[in-house]
C-alpha atoms as a PDB file:
ATOM      1  CA  MET A   1       0.000   0.000   0.000  1.00  0.00           C
ATOM      2  CA  LEU A   2       1.236   3.481  -0.855  1.00  0.00           C
ATOM      3  CA  ARG A   3       1.256   6.028   1.932  1.00  0.00           C
ATOM      4  CA  LEU A   4       2.355   9.576   2.639  1.00  0.00           C
ATOM      5  CA  SER A   5       5.499   9.027   4.702  1.00  0.00           C
ATOM      6  CA  ALA A   6       6.764  12.600   5.172  1.00  0.00           C
ATOM      7  CA  LEU A   7       5.674  16.235   4.840  1.00  0.00           C
ATOM      8  CA  TYR A   8       8.005  19.216   4.489  1.00  0.00           C
ATOM      9  CA  ARG A   9       7.344  22.957   4.332  1.00  0.00           C
ATOM     10  CA  TYR A  10       9.752  25.771   3.410  1.00  0.00           C
ATOM     11  CA  PRO A  11       8.218  29.040   4.684  1.00  0.00           C
ATOM     12  CA  LEU A  12      11.125  31.082   3.290  1.00  0.00           C
ATOM     13  CA  LYS A  13      12.269  30.271  -0.227  1.00  0.00           C
ATOM     14  CA  SER A  14      15.679  28.562   0.033  1.00  0.00           C
ATOM     15  CA  GLY A  15      15.644  28.626   3.848  1.00  0.00           C
ATOM     16  CA  LYS A  16      15.607  25.560   6.094  1.00  0.00           C
ATOM     17  CA  GLY A  17      12.691  23.158   5.832  1.00  0.00           C
ATOM     18  CA  GLU A  18      10.143  22.294   8.503  1.00  0.00           C
ATOM     19  CA  ILE A  19       9.229  18.653   9.158  1.00  0.00           C
ATOM     20  CA  LEU A  20       5.451  18.399   9.604  1.00  0.00           C
ATOM     21  CA  GLN A  21       3.015  15.739  10.769  1.00  0.00           C
ATOM     22  CA  GLN A  22      -0.045  17.427   9.301  1.00  0.00           C
ATOM     23  CA  VAL A  23      -0.831  20.529   7.287  1.00  0.00           C
ATOM     24  CA  SER A  24      -3.686  22.114   5.372  1.00  0.00           C
ATOM     25  CA  LEU A  25      -3.685  23.003   1.679  1.00  0.00           C
ATOM     26  CA  ASP A  26      -4.813  26.186  -0.010  1.00  0.00           C
ATOM     27  CA  LYS A  27      -4.774  27.370  -3.618  1.00  0.00           C
ATOM     28  CA  LEU A  28      -0.962  27.731  -3.566  1.00  0.00           C
ATOM     29  CA  GLY A  29      -0.093  24.322  -2.110  1.00  0.00           C
ATOM     30  CA  LEU A  30       0.833  23.668   1.520  1.00  0.00           C
ATOM     31  CA  ASP A  31      -0.383  26.438   3.807  1.00  0.00           C
ATOM     32  CA  GLY A  32       2.588  28.742   4.454  1.00  0.00           C
ATOM     33  CA  ASP A  33       4.952  27.098   1.970  1.00  0.00           C
ATOM     34  CA  ARG A  34       7.392  29.494   0.274  1.00  0.00           C
ATOM     35  CA  ARG A  35       5.232  32.538   0.911  1.00  0.00           C
ATOM     36  CA  TRP A  36       8.332  34.569   1.916  1.00  0.00           C
ATOM     37  CA  MET A  37      11.455  35.379  -0.084  1.00  0.00           C
ATOM     38  CA  LEU A  38      14.694  37.356   0.156  1.00  0.00           C
ATOM     39  CA  VAL A  39      15.515  39.786  -2.639  1.00  0.00           C
ATOM     40  CA  ASP A  40      18.453  42.025  -3.456  1.00  0.00           C
ATOM     41  CA  GLU A  41      17.464  45.505  -2.287  1.00  0.00           C
ATOM     42  CA  ALA A  42      18.752  47.286  -5.383  1.00  0.00           C
ATOM     43  CA  SER A  43      17.534  44.980  -8.141  1.00  0.00           C
ATOM     44  CA  GLY A  44      14.633  43.174  -6.469  1.00  0.00           C
ATOM     45  CA  ARG A  45      15.978  39.884  -7.809  1.00  0.00           C
ATOM     46  CA  PHE A  46      15.355  36.794  -5.686  1.00  0.00           C
ATOM     47  CA  LEU A  47      18.114  35.175  -3.608  1.00  0.00           C
ATOM     48  CA  THR A  48      18.592  31.436  -3.108  1.00  0.00           C
ATOM     49  CA  GLN A  49      21.189  28.944  -1.932  1.00  0.00           C
ATOM     50  CA  ARG A  50      22.386  28.625  -5.525  1.00  0.00           C
ATOM     51  CA  ALA A  51      24.277  31.899  -5.078  1.00  0.00           C
ATOM     52  CA  VAL A  52      24.097  32.386  -1.289  1.00  0.00           C
ATOM     53  CA  ALA A  53      24.974  29.017   0.277  1.00  0.00           C
ATOM     54  CA  GLN A  54      24.627  30.286   3.872  1.00  0.00           C
ATOM     55  CA  MET A  55      20.860  30.486   3.356  1.00  0.00           C
ATOM     56  CA  SER A  56      20.870  26.747   4.107  1.00  0.00           C
ATOM     57  CA  GLN A  57      21.509  27.743   7.736  1.00  0.00           C
ATOM     58  CA  LEU A  58      18.649  30.253   7.881  1.00  0.00           C
ATOM     59  CA  SER A  59      15.721  28.865   9.865  1.00  0.00           C
ATOM     60  CA  ALA A  60      12.272  30.267   9.079  1.00  0.00           C
ATOM     61  CA  LEU A  61       9.316  29.043  11.123  1.00  0.00           C
ATOM     62  CA  TRP A  62       5.822  29.910   9.918  1.00  0.00           C
ATOM     63  CA  ASN A  63       3.032  30.685  12.369  1.00  0.00           C
ATOM     64  CA  ALA A  64      -0.739  30.353  12.044  1.00  0.00           C
ATOM     65  CA  GLN A  65      -1.133  34.109  11.555  1.00  0.00           C
ATOM     66  CA  GLY A  66       1.077  33.924   8.481  1.00  0.00           C
ATOM     67  CA  GLY A  67       4.082  35.549  10.145  1.00  0.00           C
ATOM     68  CA  LEU A  68       7.623  34.283  10.351  1.00  0.00           C
ATOM     69  CA  THR A  69      10.350  33.728  12.950  1.00  0.00           C
ATOM     70  CA  LEU A  70      13.855  33.952  11.508  1.00  0.00           C
ATOM     71  CA  SER A  71      16.918  32.593  13.284  1.00  0.00           C
ATOM     72  CA  ALA A  72      20.481  31.687  12.345  1.00  0.00           C
ATOM     73  CA  PRO A  73      23.751  30.892  14.138  1.00  0.00           C
ATOM     74  CA  GLY A  74      25.196  34.077  15.642  1.00  0.00           C
ATOM     75  CA  HIS A  75      22.004  36.095  15.120  1.00  0.00           C
ATOM     76  CA  THR A  76      19.251  36.928  17.603  1.00  0.00           C
ATOM     77  CA  PRO A  77      15.918  35.491  16.394  1.00  0.00           C
ATOM     78  CA  ILE A  78      13.357  37.946  15.067  1.00  0.00           C
ATOM     79  CA  ASP A  79       9.564  37.639  14.854  1.00  0.00           C
ATOM     80  CA  ILE A  80       8.086  39.171  11.716  1.00  0.00           C
ATOM     81  CA  ALA A  81       4.387  39.865  11.363  1.00  0.00           C
ATOM     82  CA  LEU A  82       2.428  39.283   8.200  1.00  0.00           C
ATOM     83  CA  PRO A  83       2.531  42.605   6.293  1.00  0.00           C
ATOM     84  CA  ALA A  84      -0.601  44.730   6.683  1.00  0.00           C
ATOM     85  CA  ASN A  85      -2.952  45.326   3.765  1.00  0.00           C
ATOM     86  CA  ASP A  86      -1.477  48.802   3.270  1.00  0.00           C
ATOM     87  CA  ALA A  87       2.169  47.657   3.447  1.00  0.00           C
ATOM     88  CA  GLU A  88       4.643  49.060   0.941  1.00  0.00           C
ATOM     89  CA  LEU A  89       4.757  47.037  -2.280  1.00  0.00           C
ATOM     90  CA  ARG A  90       8.126  46.163  -3.742  1.00  0.00           C
ATOM     91  CA  GLY A  91       8.842  45.120  -7.307  1.00  0.00           C
ATOM     92  CA  VAL A  92      10.601  41.740  -7.371  1.00  0.00           C
ATOM     93  CA  THR A  93      11.857  39.316  -9.984  1.00  0.00           C
ATOM     94  CA  ILE A  94      11.819  35.529  -9.660  1.00  0.00           C
ATOM     95  CA  TRP A  95      13.114  33.751 -12.735  1.00  0.00           C
ATOM     96  CA  ARG A  96      11.181  35.356 -15.625  1.00  0.00           C
ATOM     97  CA  ASP A  97       8.322  36.628 -13.482  1.00  0.00           C
ATOM     98  CA  THR A  98       8.057  40.190 -12.186  1.00  0.00           C
ATOM     99  CA  LEU A  99       5.468  41.158  -9.591  1.00  0.00           C
ATOM    100  CA  ARG A 100       4.767  43.605  -6.811  1.00  0.00           C
ATOM    101  CA  VAL A 101       4.423  42.149  -3.325  1.00  0.00           C
ATOM    102  CA  PRO A 102       4.363  43.444   0.276  1.00  0.00           C
ATOM    103  CA  ASP A 103       7.685  44.322   1.908  1.00  0.00           C
ATOM    104  CA  ALA A 104       8.157  43.094   5.519  1.00  0.00           C
ATOM    105  CA  GLY A 105       9.560  46.440   6.706  1.00  0.00           C
ATOM    106  CA  ASP A 106      12.856  48.022   7.721  1.00  0.00           C
ATOM    107  CA  GLU A 107      13.493  45.991  10.894  1.00  0.00           C
ATOM    108  CA  ALA A 108      13.195  42.735   8.961  1.00  0.00           C
ATOM    109  CA  GLY A 109      15.248  44.237   6.141  1.00  0.00           C
ATOM    110  CA  ALA A 110      18.057  45.181   8.519  1.00  0.00           C
ATOM    111  CA  TRP A 111      18.120  41.679  10.028  1.00  0.00           C
ATOM    112  CA  VAL A 112      18.305  39.841   6.697  1.00  0.00           C
ATOM    113  CA  SER A 113      20.870  42.349   5.389  1.00  0.00           C
ATOM    114  CA  ARG A 114      23.171  41.544   8.327  1.00  0.00           C
ATOM    115  CA  PHE A 115      22.745  37.841   7.685  1.00  0.00           C
ATOM    116  CA  ILE A 116      23.293  37.991   3.913  1.00  0.00           C
ATOM    117  CA  GLY A 117      26.052  40.618   4.144  1.00  0.00           C
ATOM    118  CA  LYS A 118      24.569  43.106   1.679  1.00  0.00           C
ATOM    119  CA  PRO A 119      21.374  45.216   1.403  1.00  0.00           C
ATOM    120  CA  THR A 120      18.513  42.733   1.286  1.00  0.00           C
ATOM    121  CA  ARG A 121      14.749  42.871   1.731  1.00  0.00           C
ATOM    122  CA  LEU A 122      12.220  40.308   2.918  1.00  0.00           C
ATOM    123  CA  VAL A 123       8.964  40.091   0.958  1.00  0.00           C
ATOM    124  CA  GLN A 124       5.750  38.075   1.247  1.00  0.00           C
ATOM    125  CA  VAL A 125       3.221  36.981  -1.379  1.00  0.00           C
ATOM    126  CA  PRO A 126      -0.532  37.042  -0.647  1.00  0.00           C
ATOM    127  CA  VAL A 127      -2.751  34.631  -2.567  1.00  0.00           C
ATOM    128  CA  ASP A 128      -4.190  37.473  -4.665  1.00  0.00           C
ATOM    129  CA  ARG A 129      -0.698  38.441  -5.909  1.00  0.00           C
ATOM    130  CA  ALA A 130       0.553  34.939  -6.718  1.00  0.00           C
ATOM    131  CA  ARG A 131       2.181  34.009 -10.016  1.00  0.00           C
ATOM    132  CA  THR A 132       0.813  31.606 -12.600  1.00  0.00           C
ATOM    133  CA  THR A 133       2.657  28.330 -13.062  1.00  0.00           C
ATOM    134  CA  GLN A 134       5.068  27.586 -15.892  1.00  0.00           C
ATOM    135  CA  ALA A 135       3.382  27.973 -19.263  1.00  0.00           C
ATOM    136  CA  GLY A 136       2.664  24.783 -21.153  1.00  0.00           C
ATOM    137  CA  TYR A 137       2.021  22.659 -18.073  1.00  0.00           C
ATOM    138  CA  GLY A 138      -1.151  22.247 -16.057  1.00  0.00           C
ATOM    139  CA  LYS A 139      -4.060  24.653 -16.386  1.00  0.00           C
ATOM    140  CA  ASP A 140      -3.970  28.334 -17.304  1.00  0.00           C
ATOM    141  CA  ASP A 141      -5.278  29.383 -13.878  1.00  0.00           C
ATOM    142  CA  ASP A 142      -2.863  27.251 -11.788  1.00  0.00           C
ATOM    143  CA  GLN A 143      -0.949  29.485  -9.391  1.00  0.00           C
ATOM    144  CA  VAL A 144       2.228  29.307  -7.316  1.00  0.00           C
ATOM    145  CA  ALA A 145       3.771  31.422  -4.533  1.00  0.00           C
ATOM    146  CA  PHE A 146       7.604  31.727  -4.514  1.00  0.00           C
ATOM    147  CA  ALA A 147       8.390  28.092  -5.400  1.00  0.00           C
ATOM    148  CA  ASP A 148      10.419  27.838  -8.607  1.00  0.00           C
ATOM    149  CA  GLY A 149       7.586  26.770 -10.878  1.00  0.00           C
ATOM    150  CA  PHE A 150       4.831  24.759  -9.205  1.00  0.00           C
ATOM    151  CA  PRO A 151       3.130  24.561  -5.794  1.00  0.00           C
ATOM    152  CA  LEU A 152       4.273  21.075  -4.729  1.00  0.00           C
ATOM    153  CA  LEU A 153       7.120  18.619  -5.209  1.00  0.00           C
ATOM    154  CA  LEU A 154       6.763  14.861  -4.653  1.00  0.00           C
ATOM    155  CA  ILE A 155       9.533  12.268  -4.348  1.00  0.00           C
ATOM    156  CA  GLY A 156       9.236   8.517  -3.821  1.00  0.00           C
ATOM    157  CA  GLN A 157      11.229   7.134  -0.892  1.00  0.00           C
ATOM    158  CA  ALA A 158      12.402   4.252  -3.081  1.00  0.00           C
ATOM    159  CA  SER A 159      13.740   6.731  -5.635  1.00  0.00           C
ATOM    160  CA  LEU A 160      15.961   8.341  -3.008  1.00  0.00           C
ATOM    161  CA  GLU A 161      17.169   4.936  -1.844  1.00  0.00           C
ATOM    162  CA  ASP A 162      18.054   3.972  -5.419  1.00  0.00           C
ATOM    163  CA  LEU A 163      19.982   7.204  -5.952  1.00  0.00           C
ATOM    164  CA  SER A 164      21.790   6.787  -2.614  1.00  0.00           C
ATOM    165  CA  GLN A 165      22.884   3.301  -3.657  1.00  0.00           C
ATOM    166  CA  LYS A 166      24.212   4.583  -6.974  1.00  0.00           C
ATOM    167  CA  VAL A 167      26.087   7.482  -5.304  1.00  0.00           C
ATOM    168  CA  GLY A 168      27.510   5.146  -2.658  1.00  0.00           C
ATOM    169  CA  ARG A 169      26.312   6.979   0.436  1.00  0.00           C
ATOM    170  CA  SER A 170      23.066   7.746   2.209  1.00  0.00           C
ATOM    171  CA  LEU A 171      21.471  10.982   0.987  1.00  0.00           C
ATOM    172  CA  GLU A 172      19.151  13.194   3.043  1.00  0.00           C
ATOM    173  CA  MET A 173      15.667  13.726   1.591  1.00  0.00           C
ATOM    174  CA  LEU A 174      15.866  17.419   2.553  1.00  0.00           C
ATOM    175  CA  ARG A 175      18.696  17.838   0.053  1.00  0.00           C
ATOM    176  CA  PHE A 176      15.986  17.627  -2.649  1.00  0.00           C
ATOM    177  CA  ARG A 177      13.445  19.840  -0.860  1.00  0.00           C
ATOM    178  CA  PRO A 178      10.225  17.891  -1.515  1.00  0.00           C
ATOM    179  CA  ASN A 179       6.873  18.685   0.075  1.00  0.00           C
ATOM    180  CA  LEU A 180       5.487  15.147  -0.128  1.00  0.00           C
ATOM    181  CA  VAL A 181       7.308  11.821   0.233  1.00  0.00           C
ATOM    182  CA  ILE A 182       5.561   8.619  -0.820  1.00  0.00           C
ATOM    183  CA  GLU A 183       6.468   5.208   0.568  1.00  0.00           C
ATOM    184  CA  GLY A 184       5.563   1.814  -0.870  1.00  0.00           C
ATOM    185  CA  SER A 185       6.127   2.404  -4.586  1.00  0.00           C
ATOM    186  CA  GLU A 186       8.982   1.184  -6.760  1.00  0.00           C
ATOM    187  CA  ALA A 187      11.843   3.549  -7.520  1.00  0.00           C
ATOM    188  CA  TYR A 188      10.753   6.291  -9.943  1.00  0.00           C
ATOM    189  CA  ALA A 189       7.189   4.974 -10.125  1.00  0.00           C
ATOM    190  CA  GLU A 190       6.098   8.604  -9.696  1.00  0.00           C
ATOM    191  CA  ASP A 191       7.412   9.305 -13.210  1.00  0.00           C
ATOM    192  CA  GLY A 192       4.392   7.477 -14.618  1.00  0.00           C
ATOM    193  CA  TRP A 193       1.680   8.994 -12.438  1.00  0.00           C
ATOM    194  CA  LYS A 194      -0.728  11.590 -13.832  1.00  0.00           C
ATOM    195  CA  ARG A 195      -3.247  12.003 -10.997  1.00  0.00           C
ATOM    196  CA  ILE A 196      -3.170  10.866  -7.384  1.00  0.00           C
ATOM    197  CA  ARG A 197      -5.345  11.248  -4.294  1.00  0.00           C
ATOM    198  CA  ILE A 198      -4.162  11.687  -0.714  1.00  0.00           C
ATOM    199  CA  GLY A 199      -6.956  11.821   1.832  1.00  0.00           C
ATOM    200  CA  ASP A 200      -9.754  13.802   0.188  1.00  0.00           C
ATOM    201  CA  VAL A 201      -7.484  15.876  -2.058  1.00  0.00           C
ATOM    202  CA  GLU A 202      -6.611  15.128  -5.671  1.00  0.00           C
ATOM    203  CA  PHE A 203      -3.331  16.210  -7.247  1.00  0.00           C
ATOM    204  CA  ARG A 204      -2.242  16.529 -10.854  1.00  0.00           C
ATOM    205  CA  VAL A 205       1.311  15.439 -11.694  1.00  0.00           C
ATOM    206  CA  VAL A 206       2.319  18.109 -14.197  1.00  0.00           C
ATOM    207  CA  LYS A 207       6.074  18.024 -14.793  1.00  0.00           C
ATOM    208  CA  PRO A 208       9.311  16.272 -13.763  1.00  0.00           C
ATOM    209  CA  CYS A 209      11.616  18.370 -11.576  1.00  0.00           C
ATOM    210  CA  SER A 210      14.918  19.394 -13.159  1.00  0.00           C
ATOM    211  CA  ARG A 211      17.637  19.413 -10.502  1.00  0.00           C
ATOM    212  CA  CYS A 212      20.364  22.008 -10.038  1.00  0.00           C
ATOM    213  CA  ILE A 213      23.535  22.686  -8.048  1.00  0.00           C
ATOM    214  CA  LEU A 214      21.453  23.179  -4.894  1.00  0.00           C
ATOM    215  CA  THR A 215      21.270  19.380  -4.504  1.00  0.00           C
ATOM    216  CA  THR A 216      25.035  19.345  -3.845  1.00  0.00           C
ATOM    217  CA  ILE A 217      24.656  21.463  -0.678  1.00  0.00           C
ATOM    218  CA  ASP A 218      24.511  19.524   2.600  1.00  0.00           C
ATOM    219  CA  PRO A 219      21.265  20.711   4.300  1.00  0.00           C
ATOM    220  CA  GLN A 220      22.826  20.312   7.756  1.00  0.00           C
ATOM    221  CA  THR A 221      26.156  22.089   7.246  1.00  0.00           C
ATOM    222  CA  GLY A 222      25.569  24.257   4.186  1.00  0.00           C
ATOM    223  CA  GLU A 223      28.768  22.881   2.613  1.00  0.00           C
ATOM    224  CA  ARG A 224      28.868  22.069  -1.087  1.00  0.00           C
ATOM    225  CA  SER A 225      30.193  18.634  -2.078  1.00  0.00           C
ATOM    226  CA  ASP A 226      33.512  18.623  -3.929  1.00  0.00           C
ATOM    227  CA  ASP A 227      32.437  15.726  -6.152  1.00  0.00           C
ATOM    228  CA  ARG A 228      29.211  17.449  -7.318  1.00  0.00           C
ATOM    229  CA  GLU A 229      27.173  14.574  -5.936  1.00  0.00           C
ATOM    230  CA  PRO A 230      24.389  13.623  -6.220  1.00  0.00           C
ATOM    231  CA  LEU A 231      23.947  15.827  -9.294  1.00  0.00           C
ATOM    232  CA  ALA A 232      26.830  14.150 -11.115  1.00  0.00           C
ATOM    233  CA  THR A 233      25.216  10.712 -10.746  1.00  0.00           C
ATOM    234  CA  LEU A 234      21.751  11.998 -11.670  1.00  0.00           C
ATOM    235  CA  GLN A 235      23.161  13.413 -14.876  1.00  0.00           C
ATOM    236  CA  LYS A 236      24.439   9.957 -15.841  1.00  0.00           C
ATOM    237  CA  TYR A 237      21.085   8.171 -15.760  1.00  0.00           C
ATOM    238  CA  ARG A 238      18.285  10.730 -15.286  1.00  0.00           C
ATOM    239  CA  ALA A 239      19.269  13.323 -17.904  1.00  0.00           C
ATOM    240  CA  GLN A 240      16.646  14.761 -20.236  1.00  0.00           C
ATOM    241  CA  GLU A 241      16.649  17.762 -22.539  1.00  0.00           C
ATOM    242  CA  ASP A 242      15.816  20.118 -19.650  1.00  0.00           C
ATOM    243  CA  GLY A 243      18.300  18.637 -17.171  1.00  0.00           C
ATOM    244  CA  ALA A 244      18.645  15.778 -14.675  1.00  0.00           C
ATOM    245  CA  MET A 245      15.173  14.862 -13.405  1.00  0.00           C
ATOM    246  CA  PHE A 246      14.357  13.755  -9.875  1.00  0.00           C
ATOM    247  CA  GLY A 247      10.879  14.085  -8.384  1.00  0.00           C
ATOM    248  CA  GLN A 248       7.603  15.333  -9.824  1.00  0.00           C
ATOM    249  CA  ASN A 249       5.890  18.719  -9.631  1.00  0.00           C
ATOM    250  CA  LEU A 250       2.246  18.658  -8.534  1.00  0.00           C
ATOM    251  CA  VAL A 251      -0.765  20.960  -8.424  1.00  0.00           C
ATOM    252  CA  ASN A 252      -3.502  20.322  -5.867  1.00  0.00           C
ATOM    253  CA  ASP A 253      -7.108  20.471  -7.064  1.00  0.00           C
ATOM    254  CA  GLY A 254      -8.910  21.881  -4.058  1.00  0.00           C
ATOM    255  CA  ASN A 255      -8.119  22.463  -0.421  1.00  0.00           C
ATOM    256  CA  GLY A 256      -7.996  19.955   2.395  1.00  0.00           C
ATOM    257  CA  GLN A 257      -5.831  18.409   5.080  1.00  0.00           C
ATOM    258  CA  LEU A 258      -2.803  16.139   4.793  1.00  0.00           C
ATOM    259  CA  GLU A 259      -1.343  13.959   7.530  1.00  0.00           C
ATOM    260  CA  VAL A 260       1.656  11.634   7.556  1.00  0.00           C
ATOM    261  CA  GLY A 261       0.458   8.048   7.195  1.00  0.00           C
ATOM    262  CA  MET A 262      -2.455   8.792   4.861  1.00  0.00           C
ATOM    263  CA  PRO A 263      -2.975   6.264   2.050  1.00  0.00           C
ATOM    264  CA  VAL A 264      -2.120   7.361  -1.474  1.00  0.00           C
ATOM    265  CA  THR A 265      -4.263   6.280  -4.435  1.00  0.00           C
ATOM    266  CA  ILE A 266      -3.026   6.408  -8.034  1.00  0.00           C
ATOM    267  CA  LEU A 267      -5.987   7.607 -10.097  1.00  0.00           C
ATOM    268  CA  GLU A 268      -4.271   7.747 -13.479  1.00  0.00           C
END
């Protein structure tokens, strides 16, 4: 039997992940997932671990009011409230998308600037300012917060175990930053799924996930592997035209509740 074996949320794009036992879903995926983002103050361009590896050590805990608590080694934690309706809007760029979203204010900006080491701002995306998903996949009205392209990422536990065996060492699931982990399927079975149901919620499997250099960063230490693993191995046997694929991007059709241990049904 297939079951949901793990749930992860990333309140701040490219910050540390939260391990969850249960969570609700809204139009943009897991409630509170990647609703916050760091941007360069001058350009408004988004920042991630790809260029700023120390972001792997930045903890961001989401609260039920939509706010955030940031903490990092050597820095006093800071509680940040959800921006008010009349908060200043800041123009930001994430990949090819440009949008205007609420800025978290000067106190938050000063804290993240000290952590990053250059002028940086913290921004938040409300549901009514979300982006549309990558063109050519899913439906025209599918939306996403600050995730790269789609609301949710799923990985099969057996797929990680297969990759770990090929690399020659045990790999942490958090290295690949999924939201949903499925147990009980064969390795890479998720590649053939089109629709699944978990609990009362249905999900569309819309696109394989192309992996990048971020997978070579140890989620515990923030150090990048000298041998470019596991990306180097993925490129040997999971390469497609758009890159080395590992995991599947999903869109949820409707809201609901997820809990670790729920059965997973393959609908198509």
